[in-house]
Protein backbone atom coordinates (compact mmCIF):
# COMPACT_ATOMS: atom_id res chain seq x y z
CA MET A 1 194.85 -132.78 149.69
CA SER A 2 197.58 -131.23 147.91
CA ASN A 3 198.11 -129.26 144.55
CA SER A 4 200.81 -130.58 142.16
CA ASP A 5 203.17 -127.78 140.67
CA GLY A 6 203.00 -127.40 136.73
CA ASP A 7 200.61 -126.64 133.98
CA ASP A 8 196.97 -125.95 134.07
CA GLY A 9 195.95 -129.64 134.40
CA CYS A 10 198.56 -130.18 137.10
CA GLU A 11 197.21 -127.75 139.22
CA ILE A 12 194.20 -129.74 139.90
CA VAL A 13 193.53 -130.92 143.53
CA ALA A 14 194.17 -134.66 143.90
CA VAL A 15 190.30 -135.20 144.84
CA VAL A 16 190.90 -138.94 145.49
CA ALA A 17 193.16 -139.12 148.43
CA GLY A 18 195.82 -141.92 148.16
CA PRO A 19 196.00 -144.38 150.76
CA SER A 20 198.76 -144.62 153.05
CA THR A 21 201.91 -146.81 152.70
CA SER A 22 201.78 -150.49 152.81
CA SER A 23 203.54 -153.65 151.22
CA SER A 24 200.37 -155.00 149.98
CA ASP A 25 199.65 -154.77 146.43
CA ASP A 26 195.77 -154.85 146.78
CA PRO A 27 194.12 -151.72 146.91
CA SER A 28 191.38 -152.76 149.20
CA THR A 29 193.75 -153.36 152.15
CA SER A 30 197.04 -151.34 151.08
CA ASN A 31 198.00 -148.13 150.15
CA LEU A 32 200.80 -145.92 148.27
CA SER A 33 202.65 -143.17 149.58
CA SER A 34 201.91 -139.74 147.62
CA LYS A 35 205.45 -140.22 145.80
CA GLU A 36 204.93 -143.86 144.45
CA THR A 37 202.88 -144.50 141.37
CA PRO A 38 200.60 -147.45 141.20
CA ARG A 39 200.86 -149.97 138.41
CA PRO A 40 198.40 -149.54 135.44
CA ARG A 41 196.72 -152.70 136.06
CA ARG A 42 196.20 -151.62 139.62
CA ILE A 43 194.46 -148.91 138.55
CA TYR A 44 192.20 -150.78 136.15
CA GLU A 45 191.11 -153.04 138.86
CA PHE A 46 190.24 -149.83 140.94
CA ILE A 47 187.95 -148.81 138.17
CA ILE A 48 186.15 -152.11 137.92
CA ARG A 49 185.67 -152.21 141.93
CA CYS A 50 184.20 -148.78 141.89
CA CYS A 51 181.88 -149.55 139.02
CA ILE A 52 180.79 -152.74 140.67
CA ARG A 53 179.91 -151.05 143.89
CA LEU A 54 178.11 -148.24 141.92
CA GLU A 55 176.12 -150.86 139.91
CA ALA A 56 177.36 -149.04 136.76
CA LEU A 57 176.97 -150.39 133.20
CA ASN A 58 179.53 -152.99 132.04
CA ARG A 59 180.55 -150.85 129.25
CA THR A 60 180.84 -147.89 131.56
CA ALA A 61 183.66 -149.83 133.32
CA CYS A 62 185.38 -150.71 130.13
CA THR A 63 185.26 -147.31 128.52
CA SER A 64 186.74 -145.98 131.86
CA ILE A 65 189.53 -148.11 131.69
CA LEU A 66 190.32 -147.33 127.92
CA LEU A 67 190.19 -143.73 128.62
CA MET A 68 192.71 -144.12 131.56
CA LYS A 69 194.87 -146.22 129.10
CA ARG A 70 194.99 -143.44 126.73
CA LEU A 71 196.08 -141.27 129.41
CA TYR A 72 198.95 -143.33 130.43
CA GLU A 73 200.51 -142.40 126.96
CA ARG A 74 200.49 -138.60 128.15
CA GLN A 75 202.47 -136.62 130.68
CA ILE A 76 199.37 -135.89 132.65
CA VAL A 77 199.73 -139.28 134.58
CA LYS A 78 203.17 -137.92 136.03
CA CYS A 79 201.86 -134.95 137.81
CA ILE A 80 198.32 -135.85 138.79
CA CYS A 81 197.08 -138.67 141.19
CA ASN A 82 196.21 -141.66 139.08
CA TYR A 83 193.05 -142.75 141.08
CA SER A 84 191.74 -139.25 140.73
CA LEU A 85 192.37 -139.62 136.98
CA ALA A 86 190.53 -142.89 137.09
CA THR A 87 187.51 -141.33 139.11
CA ALA A 88 187.38 -138.56 136.27
CA CYS A 89 187.27 -141.07 133.67
CA ILE A 90 184.41 -143.16 135.13
CA LEU A 91 182.45 -139.97 135.50
CA ILE A 92 183.21 -139.05 131.48
CA ALA A 93 182.66 -142.84 130.55
CA SER A 94 179.33 -142.52 132.48
CA LYS A 95 178.08 -139.93 130.40
CA SER A 96 179.50 -141.22 127.29
CA GLU A 97 177.55 -144.66 127.85
CA GLU A 98 174.44 -142.58 129.21
CA ASP A 99 174.68 -144.29 132.52
CA SER A 100 172.31 -142.71 134.60
CA ALA A 101 173.31 -144.99 137.63
CA VAL A 102 176.53 -142.91 138.26
CA ARG A 103 176.57 -139.94 140.19
CA ILE A 104 179.29 -137.83 140.99
CA ARG A 105 178.47 -137.64 144.79
CA ASP A 106 178.56 -141.44 144.87
CA VAL A 107 181.67 -141.81 142.63
CA VAL A 108 183.65 -139.84 145.29
CA ASN A 109 182.36 -141.95 148.14
CA CYS A 110 182.88 -144.93 146.40
CA ALA A 111 186.60 -144.22 145.64
CA HIS A 112 187.12 -142.96 149.16
CA ARG A 113 185.89 -146.09 150.70
CA ILE A 114 187.83 -148.42 148.30
CA LEU A 115 191.11 -146.59 148.72
CA ASN A 116 190.55 -145.75 152.70
CA PRO A 117 188.63 -148.88 153.89
CA ASP A 118 189.57 -148.16 157.51
CA GLU A 119 188.18 -144.78 157.61
CA PRO A 120 184.57 -143.60 158.03
CA ALA A 121 182.21 -142.73 155.12
CA MET A 122 182.74 -139.15 154.06
CA GLU A 123 180.51 -136.66 155.69
CA VAL A 124 178.97 -134.01 153.36
CA ASP A 125 180.96 -131.04 154.69
CA ASP A 126 183.30 -128.58 153.37
CA THR A 127 185.92 -131.18 152.21
CA PHE A 128 183.62 -133.28 150.33
CA TRP A 129 182.22 -130.38 148.46
CA THR A 130 185.83 -129.32 147.64
CA GLN A 131 186.44 -132.71 146.31
CA ARG A 132 183.26 -132.84 144.16
CA ARG A 133 184.14 -129.41 142.71
CA SER A 134 187.92 -130.51 142.04
CA LEU A 135 186.47 -133.54 140.31
CA GLY A 136 184.18 -131.58 138.00
CA ARG A 137 187.36 -129.46 137.21
CA LEU A 138 189.44 -132.60 136.35
CA GLU A 139 186.80 -134.01 134.16
CA PHE A 140 187.29 -131.29 131.86
CA VAL A 141 191.08 -131.39 131.94
CA VAL A 142 190.95 -135.00 131.09
CA LEU A 143 188.49 -134.23 128.26
CA ARG A 144 190.77 -131.72 126.86
CA GLU A 145 193.67 -133.98 127.43
CA LEU A 146 191.85 -136.68 125.21
CA SER A 147 190.76 -134.13 122.71
CA PHE A 148 186.84 -134.94 123.80
CA GLU A 149 187.18 -138.40 122.00
CA THR A 150 185.58 -140.61 124.48
CA TYR A 151 183.81 -143.08 122.09
CA PHE A 152 185.18 -146.88 121.64
CA GLU A 153 183.80 -149.84 119.95
CA HIS A 154 183.50 -152.58 122.44
CA PRO A 155 182.47 -156.56 121.99
CA HIS A 156 179.56 -156.34 124.04
CA GLN A 157 177.02 -155.81 120.97
CA LEU A 158 178.55 -158.80 119.31
CA LEU A 159 178.50 -161.00 122.37
CA SER A 160 175.13 -159.87 122.81
CA ILE A 161 174.13 -161.32 119.49
CA TYR A 162 176.03 -164.53 119.94
CA LEU A 163 174.20 -164.94 123.37
CA ASP A 164 170.72 -164.53 122.00
CA THR A 165 171.51 -167.17 119.13
CA LEU A 166 172.75 -169.80 121.67
CA VAL A 167 169.60 -169.17 123.80
CA SER A 168 167.55 -170.28 121.15
CA TRP A 169 169.57 -173.52 120.79
CA MET A 170 169.85 -174.35 124.35
CA PRO A 171 167.15 -172.40 126.57
CA GLN A 172 167.59 -175.14 129.34
CA GLU A 173 171.52 -174.47 129.97
CA PHE A 174 170.81 -170.70 130.15
CA GLU A 175 168.01 -171.03 132.89
CA LYS A 176 169.85 -173.22 134.81
CA PHE A 177 173.49 -171.29 134.71
CA PRO A 178 173.78 -167.60 134.89
CA ILE A 179 175.76 -167.71 131.46
CA LYS A 180 174.84 -164.21 130.38
CA ASP A 181 176.23 -162.26 133.52
CA GLU A 182 179.09 -164.37 133.60
CA VAL A 183 179.96 -163.82 130.36
CA PHE A 184 179.98 -160.09 130.38
CA SER A 185 181.65 -160.22 133.76
CA VAL A 186 184.54 -162.12 132.34
CA LEU A 187 184.71 -159.57 129.37
CA ARG A 188 184.94 -156.73 131.96
CA ASP A 189 187.71 -158.45 133.53
CA CYS A 190 189.73 -158.60 130.31
CA TYR A 191 189.86 -155.05 130.19
CA VAL A 192 192.58 -155.09 133.27
CA ILE A 193 194.66 -156.11 130.04
CA PRO A 194 193.40 -153.63 127.78
CA GLU A 195 195.91 -154.44 125.18
CA PHE A 196 194.29 -157.85 124.82
CA VAL A 197 191.01 -156.19 123.96
CA LEU A 198 192.49 -153.69 121.46
CA GLU A 199 194.85 -156.15 119.78
CA HIS A 200 192.01 -158.58 118.88
CA SER A 201 189.00 -158.37 116.58
CA LYS A 202 185.91 -157.72 118.76
CA GLU A 203 184.51 -161.06 117.44
CA SER A 204 187.39 -162.91 118.70
CA VAL A 205 187.31 -161.56 121.77
CA ALA A 206 183.61 -162.27 122.42
CA LEU A 207 184.13 -165.83 121.24
CA ALA A 208 186.94 -166.34 123.17
CA VAL A 209 184.98 -165.14 126.36
CA LEU A 210 181.76 -167.17 125.62
CA SER A 211 183.63 -170.16 125.01
CA LEU A 212 185.66 -170.14 128.07
CA VAL A 213 182.53 -169.68 130.23
CA LEU A 214 180.80 -172.53 128.56
CA LYS A 215 183.55 -174.58 129.37
CA GLY A 216 183.62 -173.62 132.86
CA HIS A 217 180.01 -175.17 133.17
CA ASN A 218 180.92 -178.04 131.02
CA ILE A 219 178.18 -177.15 128.20
CA THR A 220 178.59 -178.15 124.73
CA VAL A 221 176.47 -176.66 122.03
CA PRO A 222 173.83 -179.25 120.90
CA SER A 223 174.78 -180.43 117.37
CA CYS A 224 177.52 -177.81 117.11
CA ARG A 225 180.77 -178.63 118.75
CA ASP A 226 182.64 -175.99 116.98
CA PHE A 227 179.84 -173.49 117.44
CA TYR A 228 182.30 -170.72 116.96
CA THR A 229 182.70 -171.29 113.30
CA ILE A 230 179.24 -170.39 112.59
CA PHE A 231 179.73 -166.82 113.90
CA SER A 232 183.21 -166.48 112.42
CA LYS A 233 184.87 -167.84 109.32
CA HIS A 234 188.33 -166.77 110.52
CA MET A 235 188.06 -168.59 114.03
CA THR A 236 189.70 -171.78 114.20
CA GLU A 237 190.22 -174.24 117.22
CA LYS A 238 193.49 -173.58 117.54
CA LYS A 239 193.31 -169.78 117.69
CA LEU A 240 190.24 -170.10 120.17
CA ARG A 241 192.36 -172.13 122.54
CA LEU A 242 195.43 -169.48 122.71
CA LEU A 243 193.02 -166.94 123.15
CA GLU A 244 191.32 -168.76 126.17
CA GLU A 245 194.74 -169.37 127.45
CA GLU A 246 195.66 -165.76 127.08
CA ILE A 247 192.66 -164.79 129.47
CA LEU A 248 193.38 -167.38 131.87
CA GLN A 249 196.93 -166.90 132.26
CA ASP A 250 197.00 -162.81 131.76
CA VAL A 251 193.72 -161.81 133.49
CA TYR A 252 193.18 -164.48 136.29
CA TYR A 253 196.58 -166.26 137.08
CA GLN A 254 198.28 -162.92 137.29
CA ARG A 255 195.78 -161.63 139.80
CA LEU A 256 196.34 -164.66 142.03
CA LYS A 257 200.44 -163.76 142.19
């Protein structure tokens, strides 16, 4: 643990110990030296992994990423460990989304285990309590940096409406396949490219994710091949295909490289 020099925000202890150096770009198996800065996408994937392990709400992960994206527009990311900032964003998002599953003790342990997979779980000792107190301070620093603006409109509500409608049209398919879970998982994954979510309308993102999952199971909506036209008068087949391709290419194919 070390303190950064500089203004008030930079004096916060780096509560999440960055991993040691490795050539791999996977935070589960590789580490960065303290002088290296992880790519934003790597931080976003770290947030998603933490939220999955914490069994946090889908919206909590998405809000955490958008908070972190806003921090990347500020100087704070240059003087405080980005993993620490991401961890603070998870805590802030959990409160904004009223996610009772996320507790500060679990967040500290989860971040430590992901970034340091070869080390034992943290014990509840002086080091743990120091990190916990530092993370609490960092939460306030991040909130000030963001002017206490933590609310975002996500496509989740629209997606739920679309799903409820489709369930009534083809209940057997929804019983046979975990469509709902997969749709929200894909939506969450899209946030590793937050520009995709922010640059397109909520209905466009929701329809693209839904269409992609249905195609993955080779499911056709009964008596309505172009089902998306019922939900959006602005959506066209060409636009939908382009959105699907963008998700596959930027979210999933890039992850494999």
